[in-house]
N, C-alpha and C. Protein backbone atom coordinates (compact mmCIF):
# COMPACT_ATOMS: atom_id res chain seq x y z
N MET A 1 2.50 28.22 48.94
CA MET A 1 1.14 28.54 48.53
C MET A 1 0.35 28.99 49.75
N SER A 2 -0.38 30.08 49.60
CA SER A 2 -1.14 30.64 50.72
C SER A 2 -2.27 29.69 51.13
N PRO A 3 -2.70 29.79 52.41
CA PRO A 3 -3.79 28.92 52.87
C PRO A 3 -5.07 29.08 52.03
N ASN A 4 -5.36 30.33 51.58
CA ASN A 4 -6.54 30.56 50.75
C ASN A 4 -6.45 29.80 49.43
N LYS A 5 -5.28 29.85 48.82
CA LYS A 5 -5.07 29.14 47.54
C LYS A 5 -5.13 27.62 47.75
N GLN A 6 -4.61 27.16 48.89
CA GLN A 6 -4.68 25.73 49.19
C GLN A 6 -6.14 25.28 49.29
N LYS A 7 -6.98 26.12 49.92
CA LYS A 7 -8.41 25.80 50.02
C LYS A 7 -9.06 25.77 48.64
N LEU A 8 -8.65 26.72 47.78
CA LEU A 8 -9.19 26.76 46.42
C LEU A 8 -8.85 25.48 45.66
N VAL A 9 -7.61 25.00 45.83
CA VAL A 9 -7.18 23.76 45.18
C VAL A 9 -8.04 22.60 45.67
N MET A 10 -8.23 22.50 46.99
CA MET A 10 -9.04 21.42 47.57
C MET A 10 -10.48 21.50 47.06
N HIS A 11 -11.02 22.73 47.01
CA HIS A 11 -12.39 22.94 46.55
C HIS A 11 -12.55 22.58 45.06
N ALA A 12 -11.53 22.93 44.27
CA ALA A 12 -11.59 22.70 42.82
C ALA A 12 -11.76 21.22 42.48
N PHE A 13 -11.16 20.34 43.28
CA PHE A 13 -11.18 18.91 42.97
C PHE A 13 -12.10 18.11 43.88
N GLN A 14 -13.03 18.81 44.54
CA GLN A 14 -13.96 18.11 45.43
C GLN A 14 -14.94 17.24 44.67
N LYS A 15 -15.47 17.74 43.55
CA LYS A 15 -16.52 17.02 42.83
C LYS A 15 -16.05 16.38 41.53
N ALA A 16 -14.86 16.72 41.06
CA ALA A 16 -14.36 16.16 39.80
C ALA A 16 -12.88 15.83 39.94
N THR A 17 -12.47 14.72 39.34
CA THR A 17 -11.06 14.33 39.44
C THR A 17 -10.17 15.12 38.50
N LEU A 18 -10.73 15.61 37.39
CA LEU A 18 -9.95 16.35 36.41
C LEU A 18 -10.50 17.76 36.26
N ARG A 19 -9.59 18.71 36.09
CA ARG A 19 -9.96 20.10 35.81
C ARG A 19 -9.03 20.65 34.75
N SER A 20 -9.61 21.46 33.86
CA SER A 20 -8.78 22.13 32.85
C SER A 20 -8.23 23.41 33.46
N SER A 21 -7.19 23.96 32.83
CA SER A 21 -6.62 25.21 33.34
C SER A 21 -7.65 26.33 33.29
N LYS A 22 -8.56 26.29 32.29
CA LYS A 22 -9.62 27.30 32.21
C LYS A 22 -10.58 27.18 33.38
N GLN A 23 -10.94 25.95 33.74
CA GLN A 23 -11.84 25.74 34.87
C GLN A 23 -11.18 26.20 36.17
N LEU A 24 -9.89 25.93 36.32
CA LEU A 24 -9.17 26.36 37.52
C LEU A 24 -9.10 27.88 37.59
N GLU A 25 -8.93 28.53 36.44
CA GLU A 25 -8.86 29.98 36.39
C GLU A 25 -10.18 30.61 36.82
N VAL A 26 -11.29 30.01 36.39
CA VAL A 26 -12.62 30.50 36.78
C VAL A 26 -12.78 30.42 38.30
N LEU A 27 -12.16 29.41 38.91
CA LEU A 27 -12.25 29.23 40.36
C LEU A 27 -11.25 30.11 41.12
N GLY A 28 -10.40 30.84 40.40
CA GLY A 28 -9.45 31.75 41.05
C GLY A 28 -8.02 31.26 41.14
N LEU A 29 -7.71 30.17 40.44
CA LEU A 29 -6.34 29.65 40.41
C LEU A 29 -5.72 29.97 39.06
N TYR A 30 -4.72 30.81 39.07
CA TYR A 30 -4.10 31.25 37.82
C TYR A 30 -2.83 30.46 37.55
N ARG A 31 -2.18 30.75 36.43
CA ARG A 31 -1.02 29.98 35.98
C ARG A 31 0.04 29.82 37.08
N ALA A 32 0.38 30.90 37.75
CA ALA A 32 1.40 30.84 38.81
C ALA A 32 0.93 29.93 39.95
N ASP A 33 -0.36 30.01 40.29
CA ASP A 33 -0.91 29.17 41.37
C ASP A 33 -0.85 27.70 40.97
N ILE A 34 -1.18 27.42 39.71
CA ILE A 34 -1.16 26.04 39.22
C ILE A 34 0.27 25.49 39.26
N GLN A 35 1.21 26.29 38.82
CA GLN A 35 2.62 25.86 38.84
C GLN A 35 3.10 25.61 40.26
N THR A 36 2.70 26.49 41.18
CA THR A 36 3.08 26.31 42.59
C THR A 36 2.46 25.04 43.14
N ALA A 37 1.19 24.81 42.84
CA ALA A 37 0.50 23.60 43.32
C ALA A 37 1.17 22.34 42.75
N GLN A 38 1.65 22.43 41.53
CA GLN A 38 2.38 21.29 40.93
C GLN A 38 3.70 21.06 41.65
N ARG A 39 4.44 22.15 41.89
CA ARG A 39 5.73 22.02 42.59
C ARG A 39 5.55 21.42 43.99
N GLU A 40 4.46 21.83 44.64
CA GLU A 40 4.18 21.33 45.99
C GLU A 40 3.49 19.97 45.97
N ARG A 41 3.32 19.42 44.78
CA ARG A 41 2.72 18.10 44.57
C ARG A 41 1.29 18.00 45.11
N ARG A 42 0.56 19.08 45.01
CA ARG A 42 -0.86 19.08 45.37
C ARG A 42 -1.70 18.62 44.16
N ILE A 43 -1.23 19.00 42.96
CA ILE A 43 -1.89 18.57 41.73
C ILE A 43 -0.83 18.06 40.76
N GLU A 44 -1.29 17.32 39.76
CA GLU A 44 -0.37 16.84 38.72
C GLU A 44 -0.98 17.07 37.35
N ARG A 45 -0.10 17.35 36.41
CA ARG A 45 -0.54 17.58 35.03
C ARG A 45 -0.66 16.23 34.36
N VAL A 46 -1.84 15.93 33.78
CA VAL A 46 -2.05 14.64 33.12
C VAL A 46 -2.06 14.76 31.61
N ALA A 47 -2.31 15.95 31.11
CA ALA A 47 -2.28 16.23 29.67
C ALA A 47 -2.17 17.75 29.54
N ARG A 48 -1.94 18.21 28.34
CA ARG A 48 -1.81 19.64 28.12
C ARG A 48 -3.07 20.37 28.60
N GLY A 49 -2.90 21.24 29.58
CA GLY A 49 -4.01 22.03 30.10
C GLY A 49 -4.97 21.26 31.00
N LEU A 50 -4.61 20.03 31.41
CA LEU A 50 -5.47 19.22 32.28
C LEU A 50 -4.73 18.80 33.54
N TYR A 51 -5.41 18.93 34.67
CA TYR A 51 -4.78 18.66 35.95
C TYR A 51 -5.67 17.76 36.80
N ARG A 52 -5.00 16.99 37.67
CA ARG A 52 -5.68 16.08 38.58
C ARG A 52 -5.07 16.27 39.96
N LYS A 53 -5.88 16.15 40.98
CA LYS A 53 -5.38 16.23 42.35
C LYS A 53 -4.39 15.09 42.56
N ALA A 54 -3.28 15.38 43.20
CA ALA A 54 -2.27 14.35 43.44
C ALA A 54 -2.89 13.23 44.26
N GLU A 55 -2.57 12.02 43.89
CA GLU A 55 -3.06 10.81 44.56
C GLU A 55 -4.59 10.73 44.56
N ALA A 56 -5.22 11.24 43.51
CA ALA A 56 -6.68 11.18 43.40
C ALA A 56 -7.12 9.74 43.20
N GLU A 57 -8.26 9.39 43.77
CA GLU A 57 -8.83 8.07 43.57
C GLU A 57 -9.59 8.08 42.25
N VAL A 58 -9.12 7.30 41.32
CA VAL A 58 -9.76 7.27 40.00
C VAL A 58 -10.44 5.93 39.79
N THR A 59 -11.44 5.93 38.92
CA THR A 59 -12.19 4.70 38.63
C THR A 59 -11.60 4.01 37.40
N GLU A 60 -12.14 2.86 37.08
CA GLU A 60 -11.68 2.13 35.88
C GLU A 60 -12.03 2.88 34.60
N ASN A 61 -12.95 3.86 34.71
CA ASN A 61 -13.36 4.64 33.54
C ASN A 61 -12.66 6.00 33.47
N HIS A 62 -11.56 6.14 34.19
CA HIS A 62 -10.85 7.42 34.21
C HIS A 62 -10.37 7.84 32.82
N SER A 63 -9.99 6.87 31.99
CA SER A 63 -9.53 7.21 30.64
C SER A 63 -10.65 7.84 29.81
N LEU A 64 -11.91 7.46 30.08
CA LEU A 64 -13.04 8.06 29.37
C LEU A 64 -13.22 9.52 29.80
N VAL A 65 -13.05 9.77 31.08
CA VAL A 65 -13.15 11.14 31.61
C VAL A 65 -12.06 12.01 30.99
N LEU A 66 -10.85 11.49 30.94
CA LEU A 66 -9.73 12.22 30.35
C LEU A 66 -10.01 12.51 28.87
N ALA A 67 -10.53 11.52 28.16
CA ALA A 67 -10.84 11.70 26.73
C ALA A 67 -11.89 12.79 26.53
N MET A 68 -12.91 12.83 27.38
CA MET A 68 -13.96 13.85 27.27
C MET A 68 -13.42 15.25 27.52
N GLN A 69 -12.44 15.36 28.40
CA GLN A 69 -11.83 16.67 28.67
C GLN A 69 -10.99 17.12 27.48
N ILE A 70 -10.36 16.16 26.80
CA ILE A 70 -9.51 16.49 25.65
C ILE A 70 -10.36 16.78 24.42
N VAL A 71 -11.44 16.01 24.23
CA VAL A 71 -12.33 16.17 23.08
C VAL A 71 -13.74 16.46 23.60
N PRO A 72 -14.03 17.70 23.99
CA PRO A 72 -15.32 18.01 24.63
C PRO A 72 -16.54 17.72 23.76
N LYS A 73 -16.41 17.76 22.43
CA LYS A 73 -17.55 17.49 21.56
C LYS A 73 -17.65 16.02 21.18
N GLY A 74 -16.80 15.20 21.75
CA GLY A 74 -16.76 13.78 21.40
C GLY A 74 -17.77 12.94 22.15
N VAL A 75 -17.93 11.72 21.64
CA VAL A 75 -18.82 10.72 22.24
C VAL A 75 -18.04 9.41 22.29
N VAL A 76 -18.01 8.76 23.43
CA VAL A 76 -17.33 7.47 23.56
C VAL A 76 -18.11 6.46 22.72
N CYS A 77 -17.40 5.72 21.88
CA CYS A 77 -18.06 4.81 20.95
C CYS A 77 -17.29 3.50 20.78
N LEU A 78 -17.83 2.64 19.94
CA LEU A 78 -17.23 1.38 19.51
C LEU A 78 -16.65 0.57 20.67
N LEU A 79 -15.38 0.17 20.63
CA LEU A 79 -14.83 -0.73 21.64
C LEU A 79 -14.90 -0.15 23.04
N SER A 80 -14.69 1.16 23.17
CA SER A 80 -14.73 1.79 24.50
C SER A 80 -16.15 1.78 25.06
N ALA A 81 -17.14 2.01 24.20
CA ALA A 81 -18.54 1.96 24.64
C ALA A 81 -18.93 0.52 24.98
N LEU A 82 -18.46 -0.43 24.18
CA LEU A 82 -18.72 -1.84 24.50
C LEU A 82 -18.18 -2.19 25.87
N ARG A 83 -16.98 -1.74 26.14
CA ARG A 83 -16.34 -2.01 27.44
C ARG A 83 -17.13 -1.34 28.56
N TYR A 84 -17.56 -0.10 28.35
CA TYR A 84 -18.32 0.62 29.36
C TYR A 84 -19.63 -0.11 29.67
N HIS A 85 -20.31 -0.61 28.63
CA HIS A 85 -21.59 -1.30 28.81
C HIS A 85 -21.41 -2.79 29.16
N VAL A 86 -20.16 -3.23 29.30
CA VAL A 86 -19.80 -4.62 29.62
C VAL A 86 -20.41 -5.58 28.58
N LEU A 87 -20.18 -5.27 27.31
CA LEU A 87 -20.70 -6.09 26.21
C LEU A 87 -19.58 -6.76 25.43
N THR A 88 -18.38 -6.78 25.98
CA THR A 88 -17.25 -7.38 25.28
C THR A 88 -16.22 -7.90 26.26
N THR A 89 -15.42 -8.84 25.77
CA THR A 89 -14.27 -9.31 26.56
C THR A 89 -13.02 -8.52 26.17
N GLN A 90 -13.15 -7.67 25.13
CA GLN A 90 -12.02 -6.88 24.65
C GLN A 90 -11.65 -5.82 25.70
N ALA A 91 -10.37 -5.52 25.81
CA ALA A 91 -9.91 -4.44 26.68
C ALA A 91 -9.10 -3.47 25.81
N PRO A 92 -9.77 -2.49 25.20
CA PRO A 92 -9.06 -1.61 24.27
C PRO A 92 -7.98 -0.80 24.98
N HIS A 93 -6.83 -0.66 24.33
CA HIS A 93 -5.72 0.10 24.91
C HIS A 93 -5.80 1.58 24.55
N VAL A 94 -6.80 1.95 23.73
CA VAL A 94 -7.06 3.34 23.38
C VAL A 94 -8.53 3.63 23.63
N VAL A 95 -8.88 4.91 23.73
CA VAL A 95 -10.29 5.30 23.89
C VAL A 95 -10.82 5.67 22.51
N TRP A 96 -11.91 5.03 22.12
CA TRP A 96 -12.54 5.30 20.83
C TRP A 96 -13.53 6.44 21.03
N ILE A 97 -13.36 7.51 20.25
CA ILE A 97 -14.19 8.71 20.36
C ILE A 97 -14.77 9.05 18.99
N ALA A 98 -16.08 9.31 18.98
CA ALA A 98 -16.76 9.78 17.76
C ALA A 98 -16.84 11.29 17.81
N VAL A 99 -16.53 11.94 16.69
CA VAL A 99 -16.65 13.40 16.58
C VAL A 99 -17.40 13.73 15.30
N PRO A 100 -18.08 14.88 15.28
CA PRO A 100 -18.74 15.28 14.03
C PRO A 100 -17.71 15.59 12.95
N ARG A 101 -18.08 15.39 11.71
CA ARG A 101 -17.17 15.73 10.60
C ARG A 101 -16.84 17.20 10.66
N GLY A 102 -15.60 17.53 10.39
CA GLY A 102 -15.17 18.92 10.34
C GLY A 102 -14.71 19.50 11.67
N VAL A 103 -14.84 18.72 12.77
CA VAL A 103 -14.39 19.19 14.08
C VAL A 103 -12.92 18.84 14.25
N TRP A 104 -12.20 19.72 14.96
CA TRP A 104 -10.78 19.50 15.23
C TRP A 104 -10.59 18.16 15.93
N ARG A 105 -9.57 17.40 15.50
CA ARG A 105 -9.27 16.10 16.08
C ARG A 105 -7.85 16.08 16.61
N PRO A 106 -7.67 15.86 17.90
CA PRO A 106 -6.30 15.81 18.43
C PRO A 106 -5.58 14.55 17.94
N LYS A 107 -4.30 14.67 17.76
CA LYS A 107 -3.50 13.50 17.37
C LYS A 107 -2.80 13.00 18.63
N MET A 108 -3.42 12.03 19.27
CA MET A 108 -2.86 11.45 20.50
C MET A 108 -2.89 9.94 20.37
N SER A 109 -1.84 9.30 20.83
CA SER A 109 -1.76 7.84 20.72
C SER A 109 -2.79 7.14 21.60
N SER A 110 -3.31 7.83 22.62
CA SER A 110 -4.28 7.20 23.54
C SER A 110 -5.72 7.31 23.03
N LEU A 111 -5.93 8.00 21.91
CA LEU A 111 -7.27 8.19 21.37
C LEU A 111 -7.37 7.63 19.95
N ARG A 112 -8.50 7.02 19.62
CA ARG A 112 -8.80 6.61 18.27
C ARG A 112 -10.04 7.39 17.87
N ILE A 113 -9.90 8.32 16.95
CA ILE A 113 -10.99 9.21 16.55
C ILE A 113 -11.70 8.66 15.33
N VAL A 114 -13.05 8.63 15.39
CA VAL A 114 -13.88 8.20 14.27
C VAL A 114 -14.82 9.35 13.94
N GLN A 115 -14.91 9.70 12.67
CA GLN A 115 -15.80 10.80 12.28
C GLN A 115 -17.19 10.27 11.93
N TYR A 116 -18.20 10.95 12.46
CA TYR A 116 -19.60 10.62 12.19
C TYR A 116 -20.26 11.80 11.50
N ALA A 117 -21.28 11.53 10.72
CA ALA A 117 -22.09 12.61 10.13
C ALA A 117 -22.81 13.32 11.27
N ASN A 118 -22.93 14.64 11.18
CA ASN A 118 -23.59 15.42 12.23
C ASN A 118 -24.99 14.91 12.52
N SER A 119 -25.72 14.51 11.48
CA SER A 119 -27.11 14.05 11.65
C SER A 119 -27.20 12.76 12.46
N THR A 120 -26.19 11.89 12.34
CA THR A 120 -26.26 10.60 13.04
C THR A 120 -25.62 10.63 14.42
N LEU A 121 -24.83 11.64 14.69
CA LEU A 121 -24.10 11.67 15.97
C LEU A 121 -25.01 11.92 17.16
N LYS A 122 -26.16 12.54 16.93
CA LYS A 122 -27.04 12.89 18.05
C LYS A 122 -27.95 11.75 18.47
N SER A 123 -28.12 10.76 17.63
CA SER A 123 -29.03 9.66 17.94
C SER A 123 -28.29 8.54 18.66
N GLY A 124 -28.95 7.98 19.66
CA GLY A 124 -28.36 6.84 20.38
C GLY A 124 -27.23 7.20 21.30
N MET A 125 -27.33 8.38 21.92
CA MET A 125 -26.30 8.82 22.88
C MET A 125 -26.94 8.96 24.25
N GLU A 126 -26.16 8.70 25.29
CA GLU A 126 -26.61 8.94 26.65
C GLU A 126 -25.46 9.54 27.45
N SER A 127 -25.81 10.27 28.48
CA SER A 127 -24.80 10.95 29.29
C SER A 127 -24.69 10.27 30.65
N HIS A 128 -23.47 10.04 31.11
CA HIS A 128 -23.21 9.41 32.41
C HIS A 128 -22.28 10.31 33.21
N LEU A 129 -22.53 10.42 34.50
CA LEU A 129 -21.66 11.18 35.39
C LEU A 129 -20.59 10.24 35.92
N ILE A 130 -19.34 10.48 35.48
CA ILE A 130 -18.22 9.65 35.91
C ILE A 130 -17.17 10.58 36.51
N GLU A 131 -16.83 10.33 37.77
CA GLU A 131 -15.82 11.15 38.46
C GLU A 131 -16.16 12.63 38.40
N GLY A 132 -17.44 12.97 38.46
CA GLY A 132 -17.87 14.36 38.46
C GLY A 132 -17.90 15.02 37.10
N VAL A 133 -17.69 14.25 36.04
CA VAL A 133 -17.66 14.80 34.68
C VAL A 133 -18.75 14.10 33.85
N GLN A 134 -19.49 14.88 33.06
CA GLN A 134 -20.49 14.30 32.16
C GLN A 134 -19.78 13.67 30.97
N VAL A 135 -19.97 12.38 30.79
CA VAL A 135 -19.34 11.64 29.69
C VAL A 135 -20.45 11.11 28.78
N ARG A 136 -20.39 11.48 27.51
CA ARG A 136 -21.36 11.00 26.54
C ARG A 136 -20.87 9.67 25.96
N VAL A 137 -21.79 8.68 25.96
CA VAL A 137 -21.46 7.34 25.49
C VAL A 137 -22.60 6.88 24.57
N THR A 138 -22.26 6.14 23.51
CA THR A 138 -23.31 5.59 22.67
C THR A 138 -24.08 4.54 23.46
N THR A 139 -25.38 4.43 23.20
CA THR A 139 -26.22 3.45 23.88
C THR A 139 -25.82 2.05 23.43
N PRO A 140 -26.23 1.01 24.17
CA PRO A 140 -25.89 -0.36 23.72
C PRO A 140 -26.36 -0.65 22.29
N ALA A 141 -27.59 -0.25 21.95
CA ALA A 141 -28.11 -0.52 20.59
C ALA A 141 -27.28 0.21 19.54
N ARG A 142 -26.95 1.47 19.80
CA ARG A 142 -26.16 2.24 18.84
C ARG A 142 -24.75 1.67 18.72
N THR A 143 -24.20 1.24 19.84
CA THR A 143 -22.85 0.67 19.83
C THR A 143 -22.79 -0.59 18.98
N VAL A 144 -23.81 -1.44 19.10
CA VAL A 144 -23.86 -2.66 18.29
C VAL A 144 -23.94 -2.29 16.81
N ALA A 145 -24.83 -1.35 16.47
CA ALA A 145 -24.97 -0.93 15.07
C ALA A 145 -23.66 -0.34 14.55
N ASP A 146 -23.00 0.47 15.36
CA ASP A 146 -21.72 1.07 14.97
C ASP A 146 -20.65 0.01 14.71
N CYS A 147 -20.66 -1.04 15.54
CA CYS A 147 -19.66 -2.11 15.35
C CYS A 147 -19.83 -2.78 13.99
N PHE A 148 -21.08 -2.93 13.54
CA PHE A 148 -21.31 -3.51 12.21
C PHE A 148 -20.93 -2.50 11.12
N LYS A 149 -21.20 -1.22 11.38
CA LYS A 149 -20.84 -0.19 10.39
C LYS A 149 -19.32 -0.11 10.22
N PHE A 150 -18.59 -0.22 11.32
CA PHE A 150 -17.13 -0.11 11.29
C PHE A 150 -16.47 -1.48 11.49
N LYS A 151 -17.11 -2.53 10.96
CA LYS A 151 -16.58 -3.89 11.17
C LYS A 151 -15.18 -4.08 10.59
N ASN A 152 -14.84 -3.28 9.58
CA ASN A 152 -13.48 -3.38 9.02
C ASN A 152 -12.43 -2.84 9.99
N ARG A 153 -12.84 -1.96 10.89
CA ARG A 153 -11.90 -1.41 11.89
C ARG A 153 -11.87 -2.23 13.16
N VAL A 154 -13.04 -2.71 13.61
CA VAL A 154 -13.08 -3.41 14.90
C VAL A 154 -13.11 -4.93 14.74
N GLY A 155 -13.50 -5.40 13.57
CA GLY A 155 -13.56 -6.84 13.32
C GLY A 155 -14.98 -7.37 13.43
N LEU A 156 -15.35 -8.26 12.52
CA LEU A 156 -16.69 -8.84 12.53
C LEU A 156 -16.92 -9.66 13.80
N ASP A 157 -15.87 -10.32 14.29
CA ASP A 157 -16.02 -11.11 15.52
C ASP A 157 -16.43 -10.24 16.70
N VAL A 158 -15.91 -9.02 16.78
CA VAL A 158 -16.26 -8.08 17.85
C VAL A 158 -17.72 -7.65 17.70
N ALA A 159 -18.14 -7.35 16.46
CA ALA A 159 -19.52 -6.95 16.20
C ALA A 159 -20.50 -8.08 16.57
N LEU A 160 -20.17 -9.31 16.22
CA LEU A 160 -21.04 -10.44 16.55
C LEU A 160 -21.10 -10.68 18.06
N GLU A 161 -19.96 -10.56 18.73
CA GLU A 161 -19.93 -10.71 20.18
C GLU A 161 -20.80 -9.64 20.84
N ALA A 162 -20.71 -8.40 20.35
CA ALA A 162 -21.50 -7.29 20.89
C ALA A 162 -22.99 -7.57 20.72
N LEU A 163 -23.38 -8.03 19.54
CA LEU A 163 -24.78 -8.34 19.28
C LEU A 163 -25.27 -9.47 20.18
N ARG A 164 -24.46 -10.51 20.29
CA ARG A 164 -24.81 -11.67 21.12
C ARG A 164 -24.97 -11.26 22.59
N GLU A 165 -24.00 -10.48 23.11
CA GLU A 165 -24.03 -10.07 24.52
C GLU A 165 -25.17 -9.10 24.80
N ALA A 166 -25.44 -8.19 23.88
CA ALA A 166 -26.54 -7.23 24.07
C ALA A 166 -27.87 -7.97 24.17
N ARG A 167 -28.04 -9.01 23.35
CA ARG A 167 -29.26 -9.81 23.40
C ARG A 167 -29.31 -10.67 24.66
N ARG A 168 -28.19 -11.30 24.99
CA ARG A 168 -28.14 -12.19 26.16
C ARG A 168 -28.40 -11.43 27.45
N MET A 169 -27.79 -10.24 27.56
CA MET A 169 -27.91 -9.45 28.79
C MET A 169 -29.15 -8.54 28.79
N LYS A 170 -29.92 -8.59 27.68
CA LYS A 170 -31.14 -7.78 27.54
C LYS A 170 -30.86 -6.29 27.77
N ARG A 171 -29.76 -5.82 27.17
CA ARG A 171 -29.39 -4.40 27.30
C ARG A 171 -30.17 -3.52 26.33
N CYS A 172 -30.76 -4.14 25.29
CA CYS A 172 -31.57 -3.40 24.33
C CYS A 172 -32.45 -4.40 23.59
N THR A 173 -33.49 -3.88 22.96
CA THR A 173 -34.41 -4.74 22.22
C THR A 173 -33.95 -4.86 20.76
N ILE A 174 -34.53 -5.83 20.07
CA ILE A 174 -34.24 -6.00 18.64
C ILE A 174 -34.67 -4.75 17.87
N ASP A 175 -35.83 -4.19 18.24
CA ASP A 175 -36.31 -2.98 17.58
C ASP A 175 -35.34 -1.81 17.74
N GLU A 176 -34.78 -1.67 18.95
CA GLU A 176 -33.80 -0.59 19.19
C GLU A 176 -32.56 -0.79 18.33
N ILE A 177 -32.10 -2.03 18.24
CA ILE A 177 -30.92 -2.32 17.40
C ILE A 177 -31.23 -2.01 15.94
N LEU A 178 -32.40 -2.45 15.46
CA LEU A 178 -32.75 -2.22 14.05
C LEU A 178 -32.96 -0.73 13.74
N THR A 179 -33.50 0.01 14.70
CA THR A 179 -33.66 1.47 14.51
C THR A 179 -32.29 2.12 14.32
N GLN A 180 -31.34 1.78 15.18
CA GLN A 180 -29.99 2.34 15.07
C GLN A 180 -29.28 1.81 13.83
N ALA A 181 -29.53 0.55 13.48
CA ALA A 181 -28.92 -0.03 12.28
C ALA A 181 -29.40 0.69 11.02
N ARG A 182 -30.70 1.03 10.98
CA ARG A 182 -31.22 1.79 9.83
C ARG A 182 -30.54 3.15 9.74
N LEU A 183 -30.38 3.80 10.87
CA LEU A 183 -29.72 5.11 10.91
C LEU A 183 -28.28 5.00 10.38
N CYS A 184 -27.61 3.92 10.75
CA CYS A 184 -26.22 3.70 10.32
C CYS A 184 -26.12 3.02 8.96
N ARG A 185 -27.29 2.71 8.38
CA ARG A 185 -27.36 2.06 7.06
C ARG A 185 -26.71 0.67 7.04
N VAL A 186 -26.93 -0.07 8.12
CA VAL A 186 -26.40 -1.44 8.17
C VAL A 186 -27.50 -2.44 8.55
N ASP A 187 -28.77 -2.03 8.41
CA ASP A 187 -29.86 -2.93 8.81
C ASP A 187 -29.87 -4.21 7.97
N ASN A 188 -29.52 -4.11 6.68
CA ASN A 188 -29.47 -5.32 5.84
C ASN A 188 -28.30 -6.23 6.23
N VAL A 189 -27.26 -5.64 6.81
CA VAL A 189 -26.10 -6.44 7.25
C VAL A 189 -26.43 -7.16 8.55
N ILE A 190 -27.09 -6.46 9.46
CA ILE A 190 -27.36 -6.99 10.82
C ILE A 190 -28.51 -8.00 10.84
N ARG A 191 -29.52 -7.79 9.99
CA ARG A 191 -30.75 -8.59 10.04
C ARG A 191 -30.50 -10.11 9.95
N PRO A 192 -29.66 -10.61 9.02
CA PRO A 192 -29.44 -12.07 8.98
C PRO A 192 -28.85 -12.63 10.28
N TYR A 193 -27.96 -11.85 10.92
CA TYR A 193 -27.37 -12.31 12.19
C TYR A 193 -28.42 -12.35 13.28
N LEU A 194 -29.31 -11.34 13.31
CA LEU A 194 -30.40 -11.31 14.30
C LEU A 194 -31.33 -12.51 14.09
N GLU A 195 -31.64 -12.79 12.83
CA GLU A 195 -32.54 -13.92 12.54
C GLU A 195 -31.90 -15.24 12.94
N ALA A 196 -30.59 -15.36 12.73
CA ALA A 196 -29.88 -16.59 13.09
C ALA A 196 -29.84 -16.78 14.61
N MET A 197 -29.85 -15.68 15.36
CA MET A 197 -29.78 -15.76 16.82
C MET A 197 -31.14 -16.00 17.46
N SER A 198 -32.26 -15.74 16.70
CA SER A 198 -33.58 -15.92 17.32
C SER A 198 -34.03 -17.35 17.28
């Protein structure tokens, strides 16, 4: 690999741990360059069309970054959002991603895809910069409401733990939780638990 291409590889991964083949192409690294960089162990392929600098320092949230690159329209939700906000003792082995109805969903064992109505997907989201990549995550209040909405998938015990921890750690107010619960149509489900905890 030429010195110029080596510099391009170094530059490409300066601010982000993951890059797609399209992003690398925009920076001037084409298919042959990517293959050469892989052979020379400068970069490694982590998923179809996704590359990481060899021996890159990754954070505990690297799986969320990878999920966002695979599902760009997705939002980290449910157990993964609980883990990100430190509202659970659970350690999910998959990344839970919310996508709008009708959007393409990859079939990968490392992802658990949940479909949301387009109108509800925009509320209760926040963006975080992780490893140089913007990752959308549901807010603590929205995550708690979602856990009650999808209690059959995540378990009522997880939803109750999330509610208890969100209140204990003061990550959101009761009003914020009830606003998101109304949006998710679970305010009547959540209200008795909130009253019991006050």
